[in-house]
C-alpha atoms as a PDB file:
ATOM      1  CA  MET A   1     -16.321 -16.037  19.337  1.00  0.00           C
ATOM      2  CA  ASP A   2     -17.263 -12.266  18.573  1.00  0.00           C
ATOM      3  CA  LYS A   3     -17.242 -12.101  14.832  1.00  0.00           C
ATOM      4  CA  VAL A   4     -14.231  -9.265  14.446  1.00  0.00           C
ATOM      5  CA  ARG A   5     -15.487  -6.050  13.210  1.00  0.00           C
ATOM      6  CA  ARG A   6     -14.027  -4.539  10.442  1.00  0.00           C
ATOM      7  CA  ILE A   7     -12.872  -1.164   9.674  1.00  0.00           C
ATOM      8  CA  LEU A   8     -14.609   0.539   7.072  1.00  0.00           C
ATOM      9  CA  VAL A   9     -14.159   3.758   5.211  1.00  0.00           C
ATOM     10  CA  HIS A  10     -16.523   6.629   5.674  1.00  0.00           C
ATOM     11  CA  ILE A  11     -16.421   9.585   3.158  1.00  0.00           C
ATOM     12  CA  CYS A  12     -18.215  13.420   3.909  1.00  0.00           C
ATOM     13  CA  LYS A  13     -18.159  16.987   2.350  1.00  0.00           C
ATOM     14  CA  ASP A  14     -18.599  20.627   3.593  1.00  0.00           C
ATOM     15  CA  GLY A  15     -18.996  18.829   6.869  1.00  0.00           C
ATOM     16  CA  GLY A  16     -21.675  16.803   6.645  1.00  0.00           C
ATOM     17  CA  VAL A  17     -22.007  13.700   8.600  1.00  0.00           C
ATOM     18  CA  PRO A  18     -20.019  10.534   7.026  1.00  0.00           C
ATOM     19  CA  GLN A  19     -21.319   7.469   5.126  1.00  0.00           C
ATOM     20  CA  PRO A  20     -19.998   4.681   4.309  1.00  0.00           C
ATOM     21  CA  VAL A  21     -18.852   3.993   0.472  1.00  0.00           C
ATOM     22  CA  HIS A  22     -20.573   1.261  -1.004  1.00  0.00           C
ATOM     23  CA  PHE A  23     -18.459  -1.097  -2.753  1.00  0.00           C
ATOM     24  CA  LEU A  24     -18.554  -0.118  -5.657  1.00  0.00           C
ATOM     25  CA  GLN A  25     -18.421   3.006  -5.506  1.00  0.00           C
ATOM     26  CA  SER A  26     -15.326   5.424  -5.694  1.00  0.00           C
ATOM     27  CA  VAL A  27     -13.739   6.731  -3.124  1.00  0.00           C
ATOM     28  CA  THR A  28     -11.247   8.907  -5.180  1.00  0.00           C
ATOM     29  CA  GLY A  29     -14.275   9.787  -7.926  1.00  0.00           C
ATOM     30  CA  PHE A  30     -16.270  11.130  -4.543  1.00  0.00           C
ATOM     31  CA  PHE A  31     -13.825  13.743  -4.442  1.00  0.00           C
ATOM     32  CA  SER A  32     -12.539  14.453  -7.900  1.00  0.00           C
ATOM     33  CA  GLU A  33     -14.913  17.021  -9.473  1.00  0.00           C
ATOM     34  CA  GLY A  34     -13.758  16.598 -12.745  1.00  0.00           C
ATOM     35  CA  GLY A  35     -12.857  12.732 -12.654  1.00  0.00           C
ATOM     36  CA  GLY A  36      -9.382  12.664 -11.966  1.00  0.00           C
ATOM     37  CA  ASP A  37      -7.688  10.218 -10.207  1.00  0.00           C
ATOM     38  CA  GLU A  38      -5.773  11.839  -7.679  1.00  0.00           C
ATOM     39  CA  VAL A  39      -7.030  14.469  -5.022  1.00  0.00           C
ATOM     40  CA  GLN A  40      -6.109  16.107  -1.770  1.00  0.00           C
ATOM     41  CA  VAL A  41      -8.289  14.799   1.340  1.00  0.00           C
ATOM     42  CA  SER A  42      -7.765  14.624   5.304  1.00  0.00           C
ATOM     43  CA  CYS A  43      -7.861  11.193   6.761  1.00  0.00           C
ATOM     44  CA  SER A  44      -9.382  10.778  10.701  1.00  0.00           C
ATOM     45  CA  LEU A  45      -9.998   7.447  12.929  1.00  0.00           C
ATOM     46  CA  GLU A  46     -12.748   7.970  15.175  1.00  0.00           C
ATOM     47  CA  LYS A  47     -14.843   5.356  16.638  1.00  0.00           C
ATOM     48  CA  ASN A  48     -13.642   2.877  14.199  1.00  0.00           C
ATOM     49  CA  GLN A  49     -14.818   4.679  11.562  1.00  0.00           C
ATOM     50  CA  PHE A  50     -11.989   5.225   9.038  1.00  0.00           C
ATOM     51  CA  ILE A  51     -13.239   9.297   7.809  1.00  0.00           C
ATOM     52  CA  LEU A  52     -12.106  10.759   4.961  1.00  0.00           C
ATOM     53  CA  HIS A  53     -12.960  14.598   4.717  1.00  0.00           C
ATOM     54  CA  GLN A  54     -12.741  17.071   1.230  1.00  0.00           C
ATOM     55  CA  GLY A  55     -11.719  19.598   4.100  1.00  0.00           C
ATOM     56  CA  GLY A  56      -9.840  19.456   7.256  1.00  0.00           C
ATOM     57  CA  GLY A  57     -11.502  17.172   9.669  1.00  0.00           C
ATOM     58  CA  GLY A  58     -10.603  16.420  13.112  1.00  0.00           C
ATOM     59  CA  GLY A  59      -9.406  12.961  14.426  1.00  0.00           C
ATOM     60  CA  ASP A  60      -5.573  11.880  14.318  1.00  0.00           C
ATOM     61  CA  GLN A  61      -4.762  13.561  11.003  1.00  0.00           C
ATOM     62  CA  ALA A  62      -6.826  16.791  12.073  1.00  0.00           C
ATOM     63  CA  GLY A  63      -5.965  19.488   9.246  1.00  0.00           C
ATOM     64  CA  ARG A  64      -3.159  16.969   7.067  1.00  0.00           C
ATOM     65  CA  ARG A  65      -4.452  16.620   4.202  1.00  0.00           C
ATOM     66  CA  SER A  66      -3.210  13.805   2.226  1.00  0.00           C
ATOM     67  CA  PRO A  67      -2.981  12.526  -1.461  1.00  0.00           C
ATOM     68  CA  LEU A  68      -5.870  10.080  -2.535  1.00  0.00           C
ATOM     69  CA  LYS A  69      -4.997   8.770  -5.745  1.00  0.00           C
ATOM     70  CA  ARG A  70      -6.914   5.668  -7.708  1.00  0.00           C
ATOM     71  CA  ALA A  71      -5.297   3.974 -10.979  1.00  0.00           C
ATOM     72  CA  PRO A  72      -6.381   4.932 -14.295  1.00  0.00           C
ATOM     73  CA  PHE A  73      -7.451   1.462 -15.329  1.00  0.00           C
ATOM     74  CA  CYS A  74      -9.238   0.990 -11.573  1.00  0.00           C
ATOM     75  CA  PRO A  75     -11.796  -0.878 -11.998  1.00  0.00           C
ATOM     76  CA  ILE A  76     -14.777   0.703  -9.667  1.00  0.00           C
ATOM     77  CA  LYS A  77     -13.774   3.269 -12.659  1.00  0.00           C
ATOM     78  CA  HIS A  78     -14.528   1.818 -15.105  1.00  0.00           C
ATOM     79  CA  LEU A  79     -17.814  -0.767 -14.266  1.00  0.00           C
ATOM     80  CA  THR A  80     -20.521  -0.967 -16.863  1.00  0.00           C
ATOM     81  CA  PRO A  81     -23.520  -1.153 -14.807  1.00  0.00           C
ATOM     82  CA  ALA A  82     -24.234  -4.514 -16.230  1.00  0.00           C
ATOM     83  CA  GLU A  83     -20.683  -5.575 -15.079  1.00  0.00           C
ATOM     84  CA  ALA A  84     -22.026  -3.781 -11.533  1.00  0.00           C
ATOM     85  CA  ALA A  85     -25.127  -5.832 -11.734  1.00  0.00           C
ATOM     86  CA  ALA A  86     -22.555  -9.162 -12.105  1.00  0.00           C
ATOM     87  CA  VAL A  87     -21.019  -8.566  -8.949  1.00  0.00           C
ATOM     88  CA  PRO A  88     -22.205 -11.231  -6.515  1.00  0.00           C
ATOM     89  CA  LEU A  89     -24.759  -9.715  -3.738  1.00  0.00           C
ATOM     90  CA  ASP A  90     -22.643 -10.716  -0.634  1.00  0.00           C
ATOM     91  CA  VAL A  91     -19.459  -8.771  -2.232  1.00  0.00           C
ATOM     92  CA  GLN A  92     -21.254  -5.567  -3.206  1.00  0.00           C
ATOM     93  CA  GLN A  93     -22.029  -5.980   0.649  1.00  0.00           C
ATOM     94  CA  ARG A  94     -19.047  -5.832   2.181  1.00  0.00           C
ATOM     95  CA  GLY A  95     -18.597  -1.683   2.050  1.00  0.00           C
ATOM     96  CA  VAL A  96     -14.720  -0.593   1.493  1.00  0.00           C
ATOM     97  CA  ASP A  97     -12.003  -2.170   3.889  1.00  0.00           C
ATOM     98  CA  VAL A  98      -9.311   0.331   5.610  1.00  0.00           C
ATOM     99  CA  GLY A  99      -5.684  -1.030   5.848  1.00  0.00           C
ATOM    100  CA  VAL A 100      -2.231   0.762   6.584  1.00  0.00           C
ATOM    101  CA  ALA A 101       1.376  -0.107   4.904  1.00  0.00           C
ATOM    102  CA  ILE A 102       4.808   0.591   7.088  1.00  0.00           C
ATOM    103  CA  LEU A 103       7.248   2.396   4.734  1.00  0.00           C
ATOM    104  CA  LEU A 104      10.610   2.054   7.194  1.00  0.00           C
ATOM    105  CA  GLN A 105      13.079   3.434   6.114  1.00  0.00           C
ATOM    106  CA  THR A 106      16.491   2.663   7.353  1.00  0.00           C
ATOM    107  CA  ALA A 107      18.934   5.005   8.513  1.00  0.00           C
ATOM    108  CA  ASN A 108      20.850   4.802   5.354  1.00  0.00           C
ATOM    109  CA  GLN A 109      17.727   5.772   3.228  1.00  0.00           C
ATOM    110  CA  ARG A 110      16.228   2.040   2.413  1.00  0.00           C
ATOM    111  CA  VAL A 111      12.583   0.863   2.569  1.00  0.00           C
ATOM    112  CA  LEU A 112      11.938  -2.652   3.666  1.00  0.00           C
ATOM    113  CA  LEU A 113       9.421  -4.633   0.591  1.00  0.00           C
ATOM    114  CA  THR A 114       8.338  -7.931   1.029  1.00  0.00           C
ATOM    115  CA  ARG A 115       7.134 -10.399  -1.361  1.00  0.00           C
ATOM    116  CA  ARG A 116       3.676 -11.709  -0.680  1.00  0.00           C
ATOM    117  CA  ALA A 117       3.472 -15.294  -0.263  1.00  0.00           C
ATOM    118  CA  LYS A 118       2.044 -16.930  -3.127  1.00  0.00           C
ATOM    119  CA  GLU A 119      -0.684 -18.778  -1.260  1.00  0.00           C
ATOM    120  CA  LEU A 120      -2.571 -15.473  -0.733  1.00  0.00           C
ATOM    121  CA  ARG A 121      -5.991 -14.704  -2.252  1.00  0.00           C
ATOM    122  CA  ILE A 122      -5.504 -11.108  -3.156  1.00  0.00           C
ATOM    123  CA  PHE A 123      -2.228  -9.672  -4.831  1.00  0.00           C
ATOM    124  CA  PRO A 124      -0.166 -13.343  -4.465  1.00  0.00           C
ATOM    125  CA  ASN A 125       3.778 -13.156  -5.462  1.00  0.00           C
ATOM    126  CA  VAL A 126       3.427  -9.505  -5.559  1.00  0.00           C
ATOM    127  CA  TRP A 127       5.752  -7.203  -3.770  1.00  0.00           C
ATOM    128  CA  VAL A 128       4.319  -4.426  -0.915  1.00  0.00           C
ATOM    129  CA  PRO A 129       5.396  -2.977   2.380  1.00  0.00           C
ATOM    130  CA  PRO A 130       4.647  -4.746   5.456  1.00  0.00           C
ATOM    131  CA  GLY A 131       0.872  -4.309   6.224  1.00  0.00           C
ATOM    132  CA  GLY A 132      -2.919  -5.128   6.562  1.00  0.00           C
ATOM    133  CA  HIS A 133      -5.834  -4.844   8.327  1.00  0.00           C
ATOM    134  CA  ILE A 134      -6.771  -2.024  10.655  1.00  0.00           C
ATOM    135  CA  GLU A 135      -7.942  -3.841  14.017  1.00  0.00           C
ATOM    136  CA  ALA A 136     -11.065  -2.898  16.206  1.00  0.00           C
ATOM    137  CA  ASP A 137     -10.454   0.356  18.742  1.00  0.00           C
ATOM    138  CA  GLU A 138      -6.290   0.831  16.735  1.00  0.00           C
ATOM    139  CA  THR A 139      -5.101   3.470  15.990  1.00  0.00           C
ATOM    140  CA  LEU A 140      -3.361   3.869  12.724  1.00  0.00           C
ATOM    141  CA  LEU A 141       0.198   3.551  13.712  1.00  0.00           C
ATOM    142  CA  GLU A 142      -0.566   0.249  16.443  1.00  0.00           C
ATOM    143  CA  ALA A 143      -2.226  -1.203  13.230  1.00  0.00           C
ATOM    144  CA  GLY A 144       1.220  -0.433  11.454  1.00  0.00           C
ATOM    145  CA  LEU A 145       3.750  -1.638  13.923  1.00  0.00           C
ATOM    146  CA  ARG A 146       1.589  -4.736  14.641  1.00  0.00           C
ATOM    147  CA  GLU A 147       1.484  -6.122  10.841  1.00  0.00           C
ATOM    148  CA  LEU A 148       4.952  -4.934  10.845  1.00  0.00           C
ATOM    149  CA  MET A 149       5.698  -7.308  13.487  1.00  0.00           C
ATOM    150  CA  GLU A 150       3.719 -10.048  12.752  1.00  0.00           C
ATOM    151  CA  GLU A 151       4.657  -9.863   8.963  1.00  0.00           C
ATOM    152  CA  THR A 152       8.771  -9.194   9.220  1.00  0.00           C
ATOM    153  CA  GLY A 153       9.042 -10.036  13.410  1.00  0.00           C
ATOM    154  CA  LEU A 154      10.338  -6.663  13.466  1.00  0.00           C
ATOM    155  CA  LYS A 155       9.040  -4.523  16.637  1.00  0.00           C
ATOM    156  CA  LEU A 156       9.338  -1.088  16.888  1.00  0.00           C
ATOM    157  CA  GLU A 157       8.231   1.054  19.656  1.00  0.00           C
ATOM    158  CA  PRO A 158       5.623   4.148  19.240  1.00  0.00           C
ATOM    159  CA  GLU A 159       7.303   6.588  21.495  1.00  0.00           C
ATOM    160  CA  ASP A 160      10.102   5.846  19.399  1.00  0.00           C
ATOM    161  CA  VAL A 161       8.637   6.325  15.685  1.00  0.00           C
ATOM    162  CA  SER A 162       7.620   9.941  13.662  1.00  0.00           C
ATOM    163  CA  PRO A 163       4.906   8.596  11.838  1.00  0.00           C
ATOM    164  CA  GLN A 164       3.949  10.723   8.696  1.00  0.00           C
ATOM    165  CA  VAL A 165       0.809   9.104   5.857  1.00  0.00           C
ATOM    166  CA  LEU A 166       2.633   9.674   3.158  1.00  0.00           C
ATOM    167  CA  GLY A 167      -0.912   9.266   0.638  1.00  0.00           C
ATOM    168  CA  LEU A 168      -3.805   7.180   0.524  1.00  0.00           C
ATOM    169  CA  TRP A 169      -3.972   4.307  -2.109  1.00  0.00           C
ATOM    170  CA  GLU A 170      -7.920   3.092  -3.358  1.00  0.00           C
ATOM    171  CA  SER A 171      -6.890  -0.372  -4.414  1.00  0.00           C
ATOM    172  CA  VAL A 172      -9.462  -2.658  -5.943  1.00  0.00           C
ATOM    173  CA  TYR A 173      -8.548  -6.557  -6.517  1.00  0.00           C
ATOM    174  CA  PRO A 174      -8.044  -7.570  -9.290  1.00  0.00           C
ATOM    175  CA  ALA A 175      -6.460  -4.914 -10.764  1.00  0.00           C
ATOM    176  CA  MET A 176      -8.002  -4.784 -13.868  1.00  0.00           C
ATOM    177  CA  LEU A 177     -11.465  -5.565 -14.941  1.00  0.00           C
ATOM    178  CA  SER A 178      -9.854  -7.738 -17.809  1.00  0.00           C
ATOM    179  CA  ARG A 179      -8.525 -10.259 -15.145  1.00  0.00           C
ATOM    180  CA  GLY A 180     -12.252 -10.358 -13.734  1.00  0.00           C
ATOM    181  CA  LEU A 181     -14.517  -8.682 -11.340  1.00  0.00           C
ATOM    182  CA  PRO A 182     -14.048  -6.672  -7.938  1.00  0.00           C
ATOM    183  CA  ARG A 183     -13.426  -9.025  -4.999  1.00  0.00           C
ATOM    184  CA  ARG A 184     -11.701  -6.512  -2.461  1.00  0.00           C
ATOM    185  CA  HIS A 185     -11.754  -2.909  -2.318  1.00  0.00           C
ATOM    186  CA  HIS A 186      -9.762  -1.185   0.214  1.00  0.00           C
ATOM    187  CA  VAL A 187      -7.988   2.555   0.930  1.00  0.00           C
ATOM    188  CA  ILE A 188      -4.507   1.960   1.912  1.00  0.00           C
ATOM    189  CA  SER A 189      -2.893   4.044   4.400  1.00  0.00           C
ATOM    190  CA  TYR A 190       0.862   4.949   3.891  1.00  0.00           C
ATOM    191  CA  MET A 191       2.812   5.389   7.027  1.00  0.00           C
ATOM    192  CA  LEU A 192       6.335   6.651   6.738  1.00  0.00           C
ATOM    193  CA  LEU A 193       8.251   5.332  10.076  1.00  0.00           C
ATOM    194  CA  HIS A 194      12.210   6.204  10.309  1.00  0.00           C
ATOM    195  CA  SER A 195      14.516   3.680  11.897  1.00  0.00           C
ATOM    196  CA  PRO A 196      17.825   4.794  13.334  1.00  0.00           C
ATOM    197  CA  LEU A 197      19.486   1.475  12.408  1.00  0.00           C
ATOM    198  CA  ASN A 198      21.018   0.804   8.753  1.00  0.00           C
ATOM    199  CA  HIS A 199      19.263  -2.147   6.937  1.00  0.00           C
ATOM    200  CA  LEU A 200      21.831  -4.698   8.141  1.00  0.00           C
ATOM    201  CA  GLN A 201      21.178  -3.966  11.537  1.00  0.00           C
ATOM    202  CA  LEU A 202      17.904  -4.690  10.693  1.00  0.00           C
ATOM    203  CA  GLN A 203      18.330  -7.512   8.992  1.00  0.00           C
ATOM    204  CA  ALA A 204      19.853  -9.271  12.081  1.00  0.00           C
ATOM    205  CA  SER A 205      15.932  -8.822  13.709  1.00  0.00           C
ATOM    206  CA  LEU A 206      14.053 -10.106  10.196  1.00  0.00           C
ATOM    207  CA  ARG A 207      11.891 -12.802  11.081  1.00  0.00           C
ATOM    208  CA  PRO A 208       9.188 -13.118   8.142  1.00  0.00           C
ATOM    209  CA  SER A 209       6.118 -15.232   8.981  1.00  0.00           C
ATOM    210  CA  PRO A 210       6.512 -17.352   5.910  1.00  0.00           C
ATOM    211  CA  ASP A 211       2.349 -17.895   6.048  1.00  0.00           C
ATOM    212  CA  GLU A 212       2.474 -14.140   4.392  1.00  0.00           C
ATOM    213  CA  VAL A 213       5.990 -13.560   2.932  1.00  0.00           C
ATOM    214  CA  SER A 214       8.307 -15.457   0.701  1.00  0.00           C
ATOM    215  CA  ALA A 215      11.005 -12.807   0.663  1.00  0.00           C
ATOM    216  CA  CYS A 216      12.286  -9.397   1.365  1.00  0.00           C
ATOM    217  CA  VAL A 217      14.176  -6.712  -0.125  1.00  0.00           C
ATOM    218  CA  TRP A 218      15.886  -3.670   1.282  1.00  0.00           C
ATOM    219  CA  ALA A 219      15.530  -1.153  -1.250  1.00  0.00           C
ATOM    220  CA  ASP A 220      17.856   1.896  -1.951  1.00  0.00           C
ATOM    221  CA  CYS A 221      16.311   4.977  -3.809  1.00  0.00           C
ATOM    222  CA  GLN A 222      18.071   4.173  -6.905  1.00  0.00           C
ATOM    223  CA  LEU A 223      16.070   0.728  -7.066  1.00  0.00           C
ATOM    224  CA  ALA A 224      13.060   2.749  -5.755  1.00  0.00           C
ATOM    225  CA  ARG A 225      13.095   5.020  -8.711  1.00  0.00           C
ATOM    226  CA  ALA A 226      13.061   2.157 -11.567  1.00  0.00           C
ATOM    227  CA  MET A 227      10.067   0.526 -10.026  1.00  0.00           C
ATOM    228  CA  VAL A 228       7.859   4.241  -9.561  1.00  0.00           C
ATOM    229  CA  SER A 229       9.371   4.923 -13.614  1.00  0.00           C
ATOM    230  CA  ALA A 230       7.240   1.211 -14.493  1.00  0.00           C
ATOM    231  CA  VAL A 231       4.241   2.978 -14.940  1.00  0.00           C
ATOM    232  CA  ASP A 232       1.033   0.393 -14.546  1.00  0.00           C
ATOM    233  CA  GLY A 233      -0.152   0.460 -18.028  1.00  0.00           C
ATOM    234  CA  GLU A 234       2.520   1.996 -19.955  1.00  0.00           C
ATOM    235  CA  ASP A 235       5.100   0.537 -22.536  1.00  0.00           C
ATOM    236  CA  VAL A 236       7.966   3.484 -21.934  1.00  0.00           C
ATOM    237  CA  GLU A 237      10.715   1.221 -21.795  1.00  0.00           C
ATOM    238  CA  VAL A 238      13.091   1.562 -18.562  1.00  0.00           C
ATOM    239  CA  GLY A 239      16.305   2.223 -18.417  1.00  0.00           C
ATOM    240  CA  LEU A 240      18.137  -0.072 -15.971  1.00  0.00           C
ATOM    241  CA  ASP A 241      21.585   0.765 -16.989  1.00  0.00           C
ATOM    242  CA  HIS A 242      22.350   1.694 -13.916  1.00  0.00           C
ATOM    243  CA  LEU A 243      21.187  -0.474 -11.852  1.00  0.00           C
ATOM    244  CA  PRO A 244      23.025  -3.847 -10.889  1.00  0.00           C
ATOM    245  CA  SER A 245      21.742  -6.884 -12.961  1.00  0.00           C
ATOM    246  CA  SER A 246      20.483  -8.579 -10.329  1.00  0.00           C
ATOM    247  CA  ILE A 247      19.193  -7.729  -6.207  1.00  0.00           C
ATOM    248  CA  SER A 248      20.201  -9.144  -3.056  1.00  0.00           C
ATOM    249  CA  VAL A 249      16.868 -10.296  -1.672  1.00  0.00           C
ATOM    250  CA  SER A 250      16.109 -12.589   1.482  1.00  0.00           C
ATOM    251  CA  GLN A 251      13.944 -16.323   0.563  1.00  0.00           C
ATOM    252  CA  VAL A 252      12.080 -17.272   3.175  1.00  0.00           C
ATOM    253  CA  SER A 253      11.264 -20.441   3.659  1.00  0.00           C
ATOM    254  CA  ARG A 254       8.568 -22.681   4.600  1.00  0.00           C
ATOM    255  CA  ASP A 255       9.953 -22.768   8.007  1.00  0.00           C
ATOM    256  CA  GLY A 256      10.572 -19.101   8.420  1.00  0.00           C
ATOM    257  CA  ALA A 257      13.764 -19.104   7.539  1.00  0.00           C
ATOM    258  CA  LEU A 258      15.568 -16.834   5.701  1.00  0.00           C
ATOM    259  CA  SER A 259      18.840 -17.486   2.955  1.00  0.00           C
ATOM    260  CA  ASP A 260      20.867 -14.809   0.704  1.00  0.00           C
ATOM    261  CA  SER A 261      19.220 -15.097  -2.971  1.00  0.00           C
ATOM    262  CA  SER A 262      18.719 -12.499  -5.996  1.00  0.00           C
ATOM    263  CA  LEU A 263      16.651 -11.884  -8.366  1.00  0.00           C
ATOM    264  CA  PRO A 264      17.067 -10.095 -11.907  1.00  0.00           C
ATOM    265  CA  THR A 265      16.507  -6.328 -11.827  1.00  0.00           C
ATOM    266  CA  ALA A 266      14.360  -6.949 -14.370  1.00  0.00           C
ATOM    267  CA  VAL A 267      10.876  -8.374 -12.096  1.00  0.00           C
ATOM    268  CA  PHE A 268      11.056  -5.212  -9.898  1.00  0.00           C
ATOM    269  CA  VAL A 269       9.634  -3.061 -12.853  1.00  0.00           C
ATOM    270  CA  ASN A 270       7.734  -5.424 -14.287  1.00  0.00           C
ATOM    271  CA  ARG A 271       3.875  -3.445 -14.946  1.00  0.00           C
ATOM    272  CA  ALA A 272       0.454  -5.141 -14.331  1.00  0.00           C
ATOM    273  CA  PRO A 273      -0.789  -7.318 -17.005  1.00  0.00           C
ATOM    274  CA  ALA A 274      -3.745  -6.868 -18.641  1.00  0.00           C
ATOM    275  CA  GLY A 275      -4.435 -10.753 -18.882  1.00  0.00           C
ATOM    276  CA  GLY A 276      -3.281 -14.022 -18.770  1.00  0.00           C
ATOM    277  CA  PRO A 277      -1.216 -14.864 -15.370  1.00  0.00           C
ATOM    278  CA  ASP A 278      -0.015 -12.496 -13.278  1.00  0.00           C
ATOM    279  CA  LEU A 279       3.643 -11.194 -13.087  1.00  0.00           C
ATOM    280  CA  GLU A 280       6.290 -11.256  -9.612  1.00  0.00           C
ATOM    281  CA  ARG A 281       5.729  -7.286  -9.611  1.00  0.00           C
ATOM    282  CA  VAL A 282       5.604  -4.073  -7.576  1.00  0.00           C
ATOM    283  CA  SER A 283       2.091  -3.478  -7.008  1.00  0.00           C
ATOM    284  CA  THR A 284       0.957  -0.069  -8.116  1.00  0.00           C
ATOM    285  CA  GLY A 285      -0.161   1.389  -4.737  1.00  0.00           C
ATOM    286  CA  THR A 286       3.704   0.421  -3.831  1.00  0.00           C
ATOM    287  CA  LYS A 287       5.270   2.550  -6.755  1.00  0.00           C
ATOM    288  CA  PHE A 288       2.716   5.440  -5.624  1.00  0.00           C
ATOM    289  CA  ALA A 289       3.827   5.493  -2.127  1.00  0.00           C
ATOM    290  CA  LEU A 290       7.441   4.756  -3.398  1.00  0.00           C
ATOM    291  CA  GLU A 291       7.422   8.129  -5.261  1.00  0.00           C
ATOM    292  CA  LEU A 292       5.655  10.390  -2.193  1.00  0.00           C
ATOM    293  CA  TRP A 293       8.970   9.038  -0.379  1.00  0.00           C
ATOM    294  CA  LEU A 294      11.418  10.048  -2.955  1.00  0.00           C
ATOM    295  CA  ARG A 295      10.221  13.302  -2.808  1.00  0.00           C
ATOM    296  CA  THR A 296      10.172  13.268   0.798  1.00  0.00           C
ATOM    297  CA  LEU A 297      13.679  12.794   0.431  1.00  0.00           C
ATOM    298  CA  GLU A 298      14.622  15.120  -2.107  1.00  0.00           C
ATOM    299  CA  SER A 299      12.316  17.667  -0.114  1.00  0.00           C
ATOM    300  CA  ASN A 300      14.110  16.972   3.145  1.00  0.00           C
ATOM    301  CA  MET A 301      17.494  17.153   1.159  1.00  0.00           C
ATOM    302  CA  THR A 302      16.533  20.360  -0.190  1.00  0.00           C
ATOM    303  CA  SER A 303      15.540  22.152   2.960  1.00  0.00           C
ATOM    304  CA  ASP A 304      19.458  20.571   4.903  1.00  0.00           C
ATOM    305  CA  PRO A 305      21.246  23.710   5.354  1.00  0.00           C
END
């Protein structure tokens, strides 16, 4: 069987030839002249290369600019020469992978988040939107819809959705150098899709894969704002007085059955710990995507007549 071709990130400036990103190279840093953690880029998927342009580029996102962001504590940003040299050669040769994650917005303005199975090697037990890698010859939308179907059982047709790339997140695992040297490096494209159904109607069609998903939650705007306010790397207290003490979730059994349950609201505002065992929490990249989603809701409200 032929080895599946991985789709890798390529970068270019000023109309130059796109070049693959080295595993230990910061994608955000390449475009950030002052060393900042957020830049505006255009992205395109051409000939199985995910290309980030400083200006407008070609391809399926031509002319559209999106925020590209990394965490302030991004390990690639802070690697010393000695630490970089200690990264195993087979890891260094991986390049930077591409992922797509779907923020599925319901008719009553909720989005679906899933808790990654605890057996997964990368970010186990962490809350994220459904998503995964792009396969050869797929578009971003095709990959996102496939991953949504594989992970949750929800099937959406391409002609029924109006996809919008909210932003791009430079994701590194482990998330902090204090937790070990980098083993995975991705750029995640967060794509917003609108469903004409409310969350209860969609819930009836949920069939999560227990190998990838251990729980699901339909997060409303209030919960999303609380998640976003729990900034990783900061110690500012998050006020939860406006939220219930627990949040309704669907637990996924090993045979794929769903059961109603609840989790303390505090779980969803846990921050990424610098050391010790990781916590059940919302990923830093997901918080970035939710912040962008909340902005689109506010923008739509102000633009409505």
